[in-house]
Structure formats: C-alpha cells, structure tokens
Amino acid sequence: MERGVIATDELAGSFDLQSTVESGQSYLWSRLDGKMYTTAAAHGGRAWYETVVPPLDGVTDERAVVRVRQVDEGIEWKSTTDAVDILTHLLRLDDDIDAIRDASPSEPLIERAFEQYAGMRLVRDPPFACLISFICSAQMRVGRIHGMQQRLAAGFGETVAFDGRTYHAFPTPDQLAARTESELRERSLGYRAPYVQRTAEMVADGEADPANAAELDYEAAREFLTQFVGVGDKVADCVLLFSLGFLEAVPLDTWIQTAIADYYPDCEQGGYAETSRAIREQFGGEYAGYVQTYVFHYLRNGGE
C-alpha cells in the first residue's frame, strides 16, 4: 500500500471532495461507510471515498484502487500505487477554481451556488464508464444511477484485492458486450439494458470509441457521441463535460431546464442545440459547464 497527502493550500483555489464526487457528476466512486448519495446538500464531509481506476492514457499504465478523504491539511489518499497523478486527473486538481469563478457571470444565482459549494470541481471520469453511467441516467435519481454502476461492476468486472478487501473494477467494453440483455436487466437496468449492451459492443468491436470525441470541436464531439445507442444530446453533453474536458458543455437536465424557466427564460429557444447554445453563452461560454454544475447542485439541494 502507498499513501500520502496532497496539500490543498498548494492547489489553485479551494477544494471540496464531497461535493465533487456526490454532485451527480460521477457514479464510479463509493463511500466506505456505504452512504454514497444519501446526504442532502453534499458538501464539506470527511468520509473516505474509493474507486477502481483503469489504465488512463498519459496518467497511469496500470489499474489502481484509490481511497481518499478530505482532512484539515489536504487530501489524504491510500492506493495500490502512487495516486497523486491519478487524483489530479480524476478530480481536476489542476483547475484554477478562483480564475474560473472570476471568469463566470456575476449574477445572484451563480454567485449563491459558488458560495454554497465552494471548492467543488468537475471530474474527469474514464470515458467508457462515464458513457455507460449516463446512458443509465435517464429518468433516474442519482442514488439509483450509482447503484446500477456498482451492480454492473460487482456482476461483471474483474476483482482487485486491496487492504484486506475485494474490489470490483468497472467492466470493460468486452466484458459488457459479452453479457445478454437478460443479464443486464437482472442488474436493474430495465429498458436501458439493450442500450448498454449495444454501446459496449460498438466499443469492443472497434466501431467507435467515446474517447475519440476529445479530438473534435465541441458541437461535432456532441454529434459524434450520439452515434452510441441510448445517447442523445444531453447524455453526450454529460460525457463531454464529466470525462472529456469540454468545460463549455451545458447538459440540459431537469434542473438546468428549471433554471432557464425561472431565471433565464430568453434562453429557451425550442430545440436542444439552440437552447444549449443560449444558456452556454448566459453562463459565460468557456467555463459554462462549471457554472452548470454549481447551479445544478445548488438547485437540486433546495437553493433558490
């Protein structure tokens, strides 16, 4: 076991672990106490979180188990390998949150959201796992989406031993493609089962790779991702924002639609692409996805 602490006072801006991993961006982390996605207005907690990380281009060549919590002096971690680069990548510790906030519009809703959830960062989830997570997200509460991903890992992913426990990696495209629709339905995927199976098949067969969207301009990347079964514009935007680094992406989920109706009615343009473009501009353009995530978390937890 390796362990260490990343000093938060050396980061560009503040950091809050709980809101970063429990704000509906990622469904690949779990809390060691079993209370993932059960805390209202998640922010400022000190629980341990853990995940199994696949090899990541330019970050790590090996699969790793990573366990992390926030402490007074920073981000404490334990892992099967040195996890500094992994955590910097997954939790976007290299983002300058202060600069992002300064570049965002000075509007009451946005300022309240940034103030309430100071230190929340976007995530960089592995592309395939992120894609499957958001295919499963349609019409689902965050806790149920998280449960689906955990059941997929437990049922079909490889096991990894760490610190006296057995962990389950998220299934590879090959592993999910080999499953039948019936087997996936047994994991409570419902009508999403054939979408997951066919999308995994596309990736496993080399027909398409979600990571390749990163090479395209934003709107072309969104269109590229919609070729996967079960992926519309909103799911594509989620993958672009929470995996592939398109910080301008604004997924039009229920809470952002609420924000448009209540605060920015002129942004409603009828179609997804037009409305997304309008709210993206309203949210400041370059970092509109950051603003979206703060507003989403703020409104979902009762902010007004």
Protein backbone atom coordinates (compact mmCIF):
# COMPACT_ATOMS: atom_id res chain seq x y z
CA MET A 1 0.00 0.00 0.00
CA GLU A 2 1.12 3.52 -0.81
CA ARG A 3 -0.25 6.59 0.92
CA GLY A 4 0.16 10.32 1.06
CA VAL A 5 -1.48 13.74 1.40
CA ILE A 6 -2.00 16.32 -1.33
CA ALA A 7 -1.84 19.73 0.35
CA THR A 8 -4.90 21.72 -0.63
CA ASP A 9 -3.17 25.02 0.09
CA GLU A 10 -0.89 24.27 -2.87
CA LEU A 11 -3.84 24.00 -5.28
CA ALA A 12 -5.12 26.87 -7.40
CA GLY A 13 -8.24 27.61 -5.42
CA SER A 14 -10.14 25.66 -2.79
CA PHE A 15 -11.22 22.03 -2.97
CA ASP A 16 -14.17 20.11 -1.58
CA LEU A 17 -14.14 16.35 -2.05
CA GLN A 18 -17.70 15.50 -1.04
CA SER A 19 -19.44 17.89 -3.41
CA THR A 20 -17.06 16.91 -6.21
CA VAL A 21 -17.90 13.20 -6.06
CA GLU A 22 -21.51 13.44 -4.76
CA SER A 23 -22.94 16.12 -7.03
CA GLY A 24 -24.27 13.90 -9.82
CA GLN A 25 -21.16 14.12 -11.98
CA SER A 26 -19.76 10.67 -11.27
CA TYR A 27 -21.21 7.32 -10.31
CA LEU A 28 -17.90 5.47 -10.10
CA TRP A 29 -16.93 6.42 -6.53
CA SER A 30 -18.34 4.86 -3.36
CA ARG A 31 -18.22 5.89 0.28
CA LEU A 32 -16.55 3.49 2.64
CA ASP A 33 -19.43 3.99 5.09
CA GLY A 34 -21.99 2.95 2.46
CA LYS A 35 -23.75 6.35 2.44
CA MET A 36 -22.96 7.48 -1.08
CA TYR A 37 -25.66 9.83 -2.39
CA THR A 38 -27.64 9.72 0.85
CA THR A 39 -26.51 13.08 2.27
CA ALA A 40 -28.60 16.13 1.43
CA ALA A 41 -26.70 19.18 0.14
CA ALA A 42 -23.46 17.18 0.00
CA HIS A 43 -20.52 19.43 0.91
CA GLY A 44 -17.71 19.54 3.44
CA GLY A 45 -17.77 15.90 4.60
CA ARG A 46 -14.79 13.88 5.78
CA ALA A 47 -15.81 10.37 4.66
CA TRP A 48 -13.49 8.01 2.83
CA TYR A 49 -14.29 7.52 -0.88
CA GLU A 50 -12.91 4.77 -3.08
CA THR A 51 -12.83 3.69 -6.71
CA VAL A 52 -11.03 1.32 -9.07
CA VAL A 53 -9.28 3.24 -11.82
CA PRO A 54 -8.50 1.66 -15.20
CA PRO A 55 -5.29 2.47 -17.08
CA LEU A 56 -5.54 6.09 -18.25
CA ASP A 57 -3.59 7.46 -21.21
CA GLY A 58 -0.86 9.77 -20.02
CA VAL A 59 -1.70 9.18 -16.36
CA THR A 60 -1.21 5.55 -15.36
CA ASP A 61 -0.43 2.32 -17.20
CA GLU A 62 -1.91 0.11 -14.51
CA ARG A 63 -5.25 -0.42 -12.87
CA ALA A 64 -5.35 1.02 -9.36
CA VAL A 65 -7.55 1.03 -6.30
CA VAL A 66 -7.67 4.51 -4.80
CA ARG A 67 -9.13 5.52 -1.44
CA VAL A 68 -9.31 9.19 -0.48
CA ARG A 69 -10.73 11.55 2.14
CA GLN A 70 -10.51 15.22 2.99
CA VAL A 71 -8.60 16.20 6.11
CA ASP A 72 -7.57 19.55 7.55
CA GLU A 73 -4.23 19.58 5.80
CA GLY A 74 -5.45 18.36 2.44
CA ILE A 75 -6.48 15.22 0.55
CA GLU A 76 -5.36 12.04 2.25
CA TRP A 77 -5.05 9.01 -0.02
CA LYS A 78 -4.22 5.31 0.07
CA SER A 79 -3.70 3.26 -3.06
CA THR A 80 -2.14 0.29 -4.76
CA THR A 81 0.19 2.80 -6.48
CA ASP A 82 1.28 6.42 -6.21
CA ALA A 83 -2.07 8.17 -6.66
CA VAL A 84 -1.07 11.83 -6.96
CA ASP A 85 -1.26 11.97 -10.75
CA ILE A 86 -4.41 9.82 -10.77
CA LEU A 87 -6.24 12.06 -8.30
CA THR A 88 -5.02 15.22 -10.03
CA HIS A 89 -6.56 13.87 -13.24
CA LEU A 90 -9.81 12.41 -11.87
CA LEU A 91 -10.64 15.32 -9.56
CA ARG A 92 -9.26 18.10 -11.77
CA LEU A 93 -6.91 19.32 -9.07
CA ASP A 94 -5.05 21.20 -11.81
CA ASP A 95 -8.00 23.55 -12.43
CA ASP A 96 -7.77 27.11 -11.14
CA ILE A 97 -11.11 27.41 -9.38
CA ASP A 98 -10.59 31.03 -8.40
CA ALA A 99 -9.92 32.01 -12.01
CA ILE A 100 -12.95 30.02 -13.19
CA ARG A 101 -15.19 31.75 -10.66
CA ASP A 102 -13.79 35.16 -11.60
CA ALA A 103 -14.48 34.41 -15.27
CA SER A 104 -18.09 33.38 -14.58
CA PRO A 105 -21.01 35.83 -14.76
CA SER A 106 -21.66 37.93 -11.65
CA GLU A 107 -25.32 37.02 -11.29
CA PRO A 108 -27.12 36.29 -8.00
CA LEU A 109 -28.00 32.63 -8.71
CA ILE A 110 -24.49 31.80 -9.89
CA GLU A 111 -22.82 33.64 -7.04
CA ARG A 112 -25.01 31.88 -4.46
CA ALA A 113 -24.16 28.49 -5.96
CA PHE A 114 -20.41 29.18 -5.97
CA GLU A 115 -20.59 30.43 -2.39
CA GLN A 116 -22.65 27.48 -1.11
CA TYR A 117 -20.45 24.80 -2.69
CA ALA A 118 -17.05 26.45 -2.67
CA GLY A 119 -14.32 24.09 -3.79
CA MET A 120 -16.45 21.75 -5.88
CA ARG A 121 -14.61 20.70 -9.02
CA LEU A 122 -15.60 18.91 -12.16
CA VAL A 123 -14.46 15.31 -12.58
CA ARG A 124 -12.59 13.51 -15.37
CA ASP A 125 -14.13 10.06 -15.35
CA PRO A 126 -12.81 7.33 -17.67
CA PRO A 127 -14.70 7.76 -20.98
CA PHE A 128 -16.32 4.33 -21.37
CA ALA A 129 -17.51 4.09 -17.77
CA CYS A 130 -18.81 7.67 -17.93
CA LEU A 131 -20.70 6.89 -21.15
CA ILE A 132 -22.38 3.83 -19.64
CA SER A 133 -23.20 5.71 -16.43
CA PHE A 134 -25.09 8.42 -18.26
CA ILE A 135 -26.84 6.01 -20.61
CA CYS A 136 -28.24 4.57 -17.36
CA SER A 137 -29.15 8.01 -16.01
CA ALA A 138 -32.37 8.63 -17.95
CA GLN A 139 -35.29 9.36 -15.60
CA MET A 140 -33.33 8.13 -12.59
CA ARG A 141 -32.38 9.62 -9.23
CA VAL A 142 -28.66 9.89 -8.56
CA GLY A 143 -28.70 7.18 -5.88
CA ARG A 144 -30.25 4.66 -8.26
CA ILE A 145 -27.83 5.52 -11.06
CA HIS A 146 -24.96 4.94 -8.64
CA GLY A 147 -26.45 1.61 -7.58
CA MET A 148 -26.68 0.45 -11.21
CA GLN A 149 -22.99 1.13 -11.82
CA GLN A 150 -22.00 -0.67 -8.64
CA ARG A 151 -24.07 -3.71 -9.63
CA LEU A 152 -22.51 -3.76 -13.09
CA ALA A 153 -19.05 -3.74 -11.51
CA ALA A 154 -19.93 -6.41 -8.94
CA GLY A 155 -21.54 -8.65 -11.54
CA PHE A 156 -19.21 -8.35 -14.49
CA GLY A 157 -16.00 -6.53 -13.56
CA GLU A 158 -12.71 -8.09 -12.53
CA THR A 159 -11.83 -8.29 -8.86
CA VAL A 160 -8.91 -6.45 -7.27
CA ALA A 161 -7.57 -7.11 -3.77
CA PHE A 162 -6.54 -4.13 -1.65
CA ASP A 163 -6.07 -3.58 2.08
CA GLY A 164 -7.81 -6.82 3.04
CA ARG A 165 -10.86 -6.22 0.84
CA THR A 166 -12.01 -7.25 -2.62
CA TYR A 167 -12.94 -4.51 -5.08
CA HIS A 168 -14.68 -4.75 -8.43
CA ALA A 169 -13.44 -2.80 -11.43
CA PHE A 170 -15.99 -1.30 -13.81
CA PRO A 171 -16.49 -3.77 -16.66
CA THR A 172 -14.50 -3.31 -19.84
CA PRO A 173 -16.32 -2.95 -23.18
CA ASP A 174 -15.57 -6.60 -23.94
CA GLN A 175 -16.99 -7.75 -20.62
CA LEU A 176 -20.24 -5.81 -21.04
CA ALA A 177 -20.59 -6.70 -24.71
CA ALA A 178 -20.47 -10.38 -23.75
CA ARG A 179 -23.50 -10.03 -21.47
CA THR A 180 -27.02 -10.72 -22.62
CA GLU A 181 -29.84 -8.23 -22.33
CA SER A 182 -31.44 -10.51 -19.75
CA GLU A 183 -28.29 -10.49 -17.60
CA LEU A 184 -28.17 -6.70 -17.71
CA ARG A 185 -31.84 -6.42 -16.82
CA GLU A 186 -31.11 -8.54 -13.75
CA ARG A 187 -28.87 -5.67 -12.63
CA SER A 188 -31.95 -3.37 -12.66
CA LEU A 189 -31.06 -1.60 -15.91
CA GLY A 190 -34.60 -2.07 -17.29
CA TYR A 191 -35.11 -0.68 -20.79
CA ARG A 192 -31.55 0.67 -20.72
CA ALA A 193 -30.11 -2.87 -20.88
CA PRO A 194 -30.06 -3.19 -24.69
CA TYR A 195 -28.59 0.32 -24.99
CA VAL A 196 -25.72 -0.61 -22.67
CA GLN A 197 -25.12 -3.94 -24.39
CA ARG A 198 -25.10 -2.49 -27.90
CA THR A 199 -22.94 0.50 -26.96
CA ALA A 200 -20.42 -1.82 -25.29
CA GLU A 201 -20.45 -3.94 -28.43
CA MET A 202 -19.69 -0.90 -30.59
CA VAL A 203 -16.67 -0.03 -28.47
CA ALA A 204 -15.46 -3.63 -28.11
CA ASP A 205 -15.67 -4.21 -31.87
CA GLY A 206 -13.77 -1.02 -32.68
CA GLU A 207 -16.79 0.54 -34.38
CA ALA A 208 -16.47 3.70 -32.28
CA ASP A 209 -14.59 4.90 -29.19
CA PRO A 210 -16.03 7.67 -27.00
CA ALA A 211 -12.52 8.93 -26.24
CA ASN A 212 -12.13 9.94 -29.88
CA ALA A 213 -14.68 12.73 -29.37
CA ALA A 214 -11.96 14.63 -27.49
CA GLU A 215 -10.22 15.31 -30.80
CA LEU A 216 -13.20 17.22 -32.24
CA ASP A 217 -14.67 20.68 -31.80
CA TYR A 218 -17.40 20.86 -29.18
CA GLU A 219 -20.59 20.55 -31.22
CA ALA A 220 -19.00 17.98 -33.57
CA ALA A 221 -17.95 15.99 -30.49
CA ARG A 222 -21.52 16.02 -29.18
CA GLU A 223 -22.79 14.78 -32.53
CA PHE A 224 -20.11 12.06 -32.58
CA LEU A 225 -21.25 10.68 -29.23
CA THR A 226 -24.88 10.43 -30.30
CA GLN A 227 -23.97 7.50 -32.55
CA PHE A 228 -23.89 5.31 -29.45
CA VAL A 229 -27.15 3.55 -28.70
CA GLY A 230 -29.12 5.32 -25.98
CA VAL A 231 -27.15 8.55 -26.29
CA GLY A 232 -28.95 11.79 -27.09
CA ASP A 233 -27.66 15.33 -26.87
CA LYS A 234 -27.98 15.58 -23.07
CA VAL A 235 -26.11 12.34 -22.34
CA ALA A 236 -23.47 13.33 -24.89
CA ASP A 237 -23.01 16.68 -23.13
CA CYS A 238 -22.58 14.88 -19.79
CA VAL A 239 -19.80 12.70 -21.21
CA LEU A 240 -18.11 15.70 -22.82
CA LEU A 241 -18.22 17.65 -19.55
CA PHE A 242 -17.52 14.96 -16.95
CA SER A 243 -14.98 12.91 -18.89
CA LEU A 244 -13.52 14.57 -21.97
CA GLY A 245 -12.75 18.06 -20.71
CA PHE A 246 -15.22 20.16 -22.68
CA LEU A 247 -15.73 22.72 -19.93
CA GLU A 248 -18.16 24.72 -22.08
CA ALA A 249 -20.71 21.88 -22.30
CA VAL A 250 -24.06 22.51 -20.57
CA PRO A 251 -26.24 19.38 -20.29
CA LEU A 252 -29.91 20.40 -20.35
CA ASP A 253 -31.13 18.25 -17.49
CA THR A 254 -34.25 18.88 -15.41
CA TRP A 255 -32.56 21.32 -13.05
CA ILE A 256 -30.98 23.42 -15.78
CA GLN A 257 -34.33 23.50 -17.56
CA THR A 258 -35.78 24.78 -14.27
CA ALA A 259 -33.06 27.43 -14.10
CA ILE A 260 -33.87 28.51 -17.65
CA ALA A 261 -37.61 28.73 -16.90
CA ASP A 262 -37.18 30.62 -13.61
CA TYR A 263 -34.12 32.79 -14.26
CA TYR A 264 -33.23 32.84 -17.96
CA PRO A 265 -36.45 32.44 -19.98
CA ASP A 266 -34.95 34.15 -23.02
CA CYS A 267 -32.56 31.19 -23.35
CA GLU A 268 -35.41 28.83 -24.21
CA GLN A 269 -35.07 28.51 -27.98
CA GLY A 270 -37.25 25.44 -28.61
CA GLY A 271 -34.58 22.97 -29.75
CA TYR A 272 -31.79 21.39 -27.71
CA ALA A 273 -28.86 22.76 -29.69
CA GLU A 274 -30.20 26.31 -29.79
CA THR A 275 -31.21 26.37 -26.12
CA SER A 276 -27.90 24.83 -25.09
CA ARG A 277 -26.03 27.45 -27.07
CA ALA A 278 -28.03 30.26 -25.47
CA ILE A 279 -27.59 29.09 -21.86
CA ARG A 280 -23.93 28.36 -22.56
CA GLU A 281 -23.46 31.99 -23.52
CA GLN A 282 -25.51 33.10 -20.49
CA PHE A 283 -23.22 31.02 -18.25
CA GLY A 284 -20.10 32.66 -19.63
CA GLY A 285 -19.01 30.45 -22.50
CA GLU A 286 -15.58 28.95 -21.77
CA TYR A 287 -16.41 27.63 -18.28
CA ALA A 288 -20.18 27.33 -18.71
CA GLY A 289 -20.05 23.65 -17.72
CA TYR A 290 -18.58 24.59 -14.35
CA VAL A 291 -21.36 27.12 -13.82
CA GLN A 292 -23.92 24.49 -14.88
CA THR A 293 -22.62 22.01 -12.33
CA TYR A 294 -22.70 24.51 -9.48
CA VAL A 295 -26.21 25.65 -10.41
CA PHE A 296 -27.37 22.03 -10.80
CA HIS A 297 -26.06 21.02 -7.36
CA TYR A 298 -27.40 24.19 -5.75
CA LEU A 299 -30.93 23.90 -7.17
CA ARG A 300 -31.15 20.13 -6.67
CA ASN A 301 -30.45 20.65 -2.98
CA GLY A 302 -33.09 23.29 -2.42
CA GLY A 303 -31.37 26.51 -3.39
CA GLU A 304 -33.48 29.35 -4.73
